[in-house]
Protein backbone atom coordinates (compact mmCIF):
# COMPACT_ATOMS: atom_id res chain seq x y z
CA MET A 1 0.00 0.00 0.00
CA ARG A 2 2.82 2.36 0.92
CA ARG A 3 4.59 1.75 -2.41
CA LEU A 4 1.46 2.83 -4.25
CA LEU A 5 0.65 5.82 -2.01
CA ILE A 6 4.01 7.62 -2.31
CA PRO A 7 4.08 7.67 -6.15
CA LEU A 8 0.42 8.75 -6.17
CA LEU A 9 1.18 11.68 -3.83
CA VAL A 10 4.17 12.67 -5.97
CA ILE A 11 1.98 12.67 -9.10
CA ILE A 12 -0.69 14.76 -7.34
CA ALA A 13 1.97 17.24 -6.14
CA VAL A 14 3.48 17.54 -9.65
CA LEU A 15 0.01 18.07 -11.16
CA ALA A 16 -0.82 20.73 -8.54
CA ILE A 17 2.44 22.60 -9.17
CA GLY A 18 1.96 22.32 -12.95
CA GLY A 19 -1.63 23.55 -12.61
CA GLY A 20 -0.48 26.51 -10.54
CA ILE A 21 2.18 27.43 -13.10
CA PHE A 22 -0.33 27.08 -15.97
CA TYR A 23 -2.85 29.27 -14.13
CA ALA A 24 -0.23 31.97 -13.44
CA VAL A 25 0.93 32.03 -17.08
CA TYR A 26 -2.63 32.04 -18.40
CA ASN A 27 -3.71 34.75 -15.94
CA ASN A 28 -0.75 36.99 -16.87
CA TYR A 29 -1.51 36.47 -20.58
CA THR A 30 -5.22 37.20 -20.20
CA TYR A 31 -5.23 40.01 -17.60
CA TYR A 32 -3.18 42.96 -16.42
CA SER A 33 -3.77 43.97 -12.79
CA THR A 34 -2.56 46.95 -10.80
CA ASP A 35 -3.43 48.37 -7.41
CA ASP A 36 -1.79 51.66 -8.37
CA ALA A 37 -5.14 53.28 -9.13
CA GLN A 38 -7.22 56.04 -7.59
CA ILE A 39 -10.65 57.62 -8.03
CA THR A 40 -10.26 61.15 -9.41
CA GLY A 41 -12.65 63.91 -10.34
CA PRO A 42 -13.14 67.64 -10.05
CA ILE A 43 -13.56 68.92 -6.50
CA VAL A 44 -14.77 72.51 -6.21
CA ASN A 45 -14.39 74.55 -3.02
CA VAL A 46 -17.14 76.91 -1.91
CA SER A 47 -15.20 79.67 -0.15
CA ALA A 48 -16.10 82.75 1.83
CA PRO A 49 -16.03 85.79 -0.48
CA ALA A 50 -15.59 88.25 2.41
CA ALA A 51 -14.90 88.41 6.14
CA GLY A 52 -17.87 88.00 8.42
CA THR A 53 -19.87 85.47 10.40
CA LEU A 54 -21.27 82.29 8.89
CA THR A 55 -24.82 82.86 10.14
CA SER A 56 -26.49 79.95 8.34
CA LEU A 57 -25.29 76.70 6.82
CA SER A 58 -27.93 74.38 5.37
CA ILE A 59 -25.77 71.48 4.12
CA LYS A 60 -23.92 68.48 5.52
CA GLN A 61 -21.58 65.87 4.09
CA GLY A 62 -23.35 63.66 1.53
CA ASP A 63 -26.09 66.16 0.64
CA THR A 64 -27.02 66.56 -3.03
CA VAL A 65 -27.05 70.17 -4.24
CA THR A 66 -27.93 71.95 -7.46
CA ALA A 67 -26.07 74.75 -9.23
CA ASP A 68 -26.84 78.16 -7.65
CA GLN A 69 -28.59 76.58 -4.65
CA THR A 70 -28.10 78.71 -1.52
CA ILE A 71 -26.16 76.65 1.01
CA GLY A 72 -25.34 79.30 3.61
CA THR A 73 -25.23 82.97 4.52
CA ILE A 74 -22.40 85.22 5.68
CA THR A 75 -23.25 88.33 7.67
CA LEU A 76 -20.72 91.08 7.13
CA PRO A 77 -19.64 93.30 10.04
CA PRO A 78 -21.68 96.51 10.26
CA SER A 79 -20.08 99.47 8.57
CA THR A 80 -19.68 102.78 10.40
CA SER A 81 -20.62 106.02 8.68
CA ALA A 82 -18.61 109.25 8.86
CA ASN A 83 -20.78 110.54 11.72
CA GLY A 84 -20.09 107.39 13.80
CA THR A 85 -23.42 105.58 13.41
CA ALA A 86 -23.43 101.89 12.64
CA GLY A 87 -25.24 100.73 9.53
CA THR A 88 -27.31 97.61 9.05
CA PRO A 89 -25.11 94.54 8.54
CA ALA A 90 -25.21 93.20 4.99
CA THR A 91 -25.48 89.51 4.12
CA ILE A 92 -24.00 87.44 1.31
CA ASN A 93 -25.57 84.18 0.16
CA LEU A 94 -23.20 81.28 -0.49
CA THR A 95 -24.28 79.17 -3.46
CA SER A 96 -23.22 75.85 -4.91
CA PRO A 97 -21.20 76.37 -8.11
CA MET A 98 -22.45 73.10 -9.64
CA ASN A 99 -24.86 70.17 -9.41
CA GLY A 100 -23.23 67.59 -7.20
CA THR A 101 -22.66 66.04 -3.80
CA ILE A 102 -21.14 67.70 -0.73
CA LEU A 103 -17.88 65.90 0.15
CA GLN A 104 -16.80 67.93 3.19
CA VAL A 105 -18.06 70.82 5.28
CA PRO A 106 -15.05 72.09 7.27
CA ALA A 107 -16.90 75.22 8.48
CA VAL A 108 -19.58 75.41 11.18
CA GLN A 109 -22.48 77.77 11.55
CA GLY A 110 -21.64 80.74 13.79
CA GLN A 111 -17.91 80.81 13.11
CA ASN A 112 -16.07 83.87 11.84
CA VAL A 113 -14.81 83.47 8.29
CA ALA A 114 -12.16 85.20 6.21
CA PRO A 115 -12.01 85.62 2.44
CA GLY A 116 -11.00 82.35 0.77
CA LEU A 117 -11.81 80.13 3.78
CA ALA A 118 -13.30 76.83 2.54
CA ILE A 119 -16.91 76.44 3.63
CA ALA A 120 -17.66 73.24 1.65
CA GLU A 121 -16.28 70.90 -1.03
CA VAL A 122 -18.59 69.68 -3.81
CA THR A 123 -18.11 67.22 -6.68
CA ASN A 124 -20.23 65.69 -9.40
CA LEU A 125 -20.12 61.95 -8.63
CA SER A 126 -21.21 61.05 -12.17
CA THR A 127 -17.94 62.44 -13.55
CA VAL A 128 -15.46 60.55 -11.38
CA VAL A 129 -12.98 58.27 -13.13
CA VAL A 130 -10.47 55.65 -12.08
CA THR A 131 -6.95 56.72 -12.94
CA ALA A 132 -4.83 53.57 -13.14
CA TYR A 133 -1.09 53.64 -13.66
CA VAL A 134 0.01 50.88 -16.03
CA ASP A 135 3.61 49.66 -16.00
CA GLU A 136 5.44 50.83 -19.12
CA ASN A 137 6.38 47.24 -20.00
CA SER A 138 2.68 46.34 -20.22
CA ILE A 139 1.25 49.48 -21.84
CA ASN A 140 1.53 48.00 -25.36
CA ASN A 141 -0.97 45.29 -24.34
CA VAL A 142 -3.60 47.83 -23.23
CA SER A 143 -5.88 49.47 -25.78
CA VAL A 144 -9.06 51.57 -25.84
CA GLY A 145 -12.22 49.54 -25.41
CA GLN A 146 -10.79 46.67 -23.34
CA SER A 147 -12.97 45.53 -20.43
CA VAL A 148 -11.84 46.37 -16.90
CA ASP A 149 -12.80 44.91 -13.52
CA ILE A 150 -12.47 47.41 -10.66
CA THR A 151 -12.41 46.85 -6.92
CA ILE A 152 -12.53 49.97 -4.76
CA ASP A 153 -10.85 49.51 -1.38
CA ALA A 154 -13.79 51.03 0.51
CA TYR A 155 -16.21 48.57 -1.18
CA LYS A 156 -14.27 45.28 -1.30
CA ASP A 157 -17.54 43.30 -1.51
CA THR A 158 -18.58 45.02 -4.77
CA SER A 159 -17.03 44.59 -8.20
CA PHE A 160 -17.36 47.39 -10.74
CA THR A 161 -16.84 47.19 -14.48
CA GLY A 162 -15.55 49.71 -16.96
CA HIS A 163 -13.58 50.02 -20.13
CA VAL A 164 -10.27 51.51 -21.15
CA GLN A 165 -10.58 55.10 -22.29
CA GLN A 166 -9.23 56.64 -19.19
CA ILE A 167 -10.75 54.08 -16.83
CA VAL A 168 -14.47 54.85 -17.12
CA LEU A 169 -16.93 53.15 -14.78
CA ASP A 170 -20.01 51.68 -16.46
CA ASN A 171 -22.04 52.47 -13.29
CA ASN A 172 -21.49 53.12 -9.59
CA GLY A 173 -23.56 50.21 -8.27
CA GLY A 174 -25.36 52.55 -5.86
CA LYS A 175 -22.14 53.31 -3.95
CA ASP A 176 -20.77 56.77 -3.12
CA ILE A 177 -17.51 56.68 -5.06
CA VAL A 178 -15.61 59.89 -4.35
CA PRO A 179 -12.30 61.35 -5.50
CA GLY A 180 -9.34 60.18 -3.43
CA MET A 181 -10.47 56.58 -2.90
CA SER A 182 -7.96 53.85 -3.76
CA ALA A 183 -8.81 51.09 -6.22
CA GLU A 184 -7.44 47.99 -7.93
CA VAL A 185 -8.08 47.33 -11.62
CA THR A 186 -7.82 44.23 -13.78
CA ILE A 187 -7.74 44.82 -17.54
CA HIS A 188 -8.93 41.99 -19.82
CA LEU A 189 -6.13 41.78 -22.40
CA HIS A 190 -7.32 38.82 -24.48
């Protein structure tokens, strides 16, 4: 029994090693994978246009806004006339510069603001792309139109698909994919 078992185990081990080598060669021929990829897209800051007090702020992270929607109000300090009387404080409405989603709100209602201080960050989630860096030795194997599988680190349980153009997602699968997230891509070469 022992004489039969040892050769059988050797054959199984050789087949397993050969299968592993075949799989690795086939996988490298069929796919190119890289984890040197990141979600990118335009992020626009909504900044204070003048010094004053942020008297209202009607947004929070994750809110959807439309272009020109009022998202807050800054009350300017009252001006003093030549005869020393204080005038009525003026207000400035802060508006969203685009349709999109609020990524961050670093300001809080009631704080004093200065010109240029970021009140909110907004992006259009339908325009985000995956920027993947392909090794120069493999770039000749990648061409426009090839299918791409994408795994975003924050959503490991969800697989996304796209195609080579820049890496363009076919859809977001109902997930909030925002600029700055890390990703891994697998390009279907053959």
